Amino acid sequence: MRFFRAIGLEPVAWALRRLHCPVPAAALVLEVGSGGNPYARANVLLDAYEDTRQRHWVPLIVDRPTVLGFVERLPFRDKAFDFVIASHVLEHSADPERFLGELQRVARAGYIEVPDAFMERINPYRDHRLEITVRDERLVIRKKRGWQEDPAVVELYEHEAKPMVARKLIPRHPFAFHVRYYWNDRIDYVVVNPEDDAAWPAPASESPAVGTLSLRGRISGAVLHLARCVLSQEKRNRALPLAPLLACPDCRSEGMEVTADAMRCPGCGRRYPMQQGVPRLYPEGLS
């Protein structure tokens, strides 16, 4: 990755970043918000939904131990993982303090990737609730008061500059428009407007258009699939017991009791359904 950046091939380096995970082979890695393109090195996956526009309706991949749940109430025991990957998921949270607190609770180190605040300001997404950047190795987080913080700036940008910036500048220099943040032991961050509420209802959008992938898209997908097969710990993942890593998202009790179609918390007695081996560990009242 560094080699391709050094010779000016940033788009190649950007694609290769997903194959980099700075952990030893024995490390246990969790990915939250794994969606339809999980990191090859992740051993356990967590996502909030099977189907959602937040990942543009890309089907959820469940090719290794997978759990459905929310990052703000992770259904895992304390320090269950050596490393946690949170790639393009923090910006969807209305509660960044709890989100980051949960990452630190369940893992010893990790990696966070998000759009940079400047890109989010001019290219806002309907489901993104935060603007995030880095200053002096600290995450600086601002809660958005609506999906567009500055509609006038967005209109000016879209009228003149968007075709050039979105189609040429960002693809050629993706590192400049994204935050890539590694942490050990603790996440250094500040929420500059904690009093603001980012839990506003996201505006509706049109149904996704159904189309065919370009040749470049098909080739890229095939390469990523091959990389996952080669670089993943497939044999280890198939044999990995999930239950010992879990904890009830409501009462934090460990030792989940597993049956063919459900998990039961020994502490509060709550029953969590399983479908095709994937437990739905949502907190009470949330799904």
Foldseek 3Di string as FASTA:
>chain_A
DVVCVVVQQVLVVVLCVLQDDPDDPPFAEEEECCAQQHRLAHLEYEYADQADCLVPRRGGDDLFHYAHEDLLLAFFAFALGAEYEYEAPCQLDQDNVSNQVSRLGHYFKYKYKHFALVCCQQPFDLRGQWHWDDDPLAIEIEGALGSHNDVVSNVVCVVPPCVCCVVPVCSSPVVVGMDMHIDGNHHHYDYPCVVHGSPDDGDDDDRRDDDDDDPVRVVSVVVSVVSSVVSHPSVCRVPDDDQQGGAQSAPRAHDWDDDPFWTAGPPPGDIWGDDPNYTHRYYPPGD
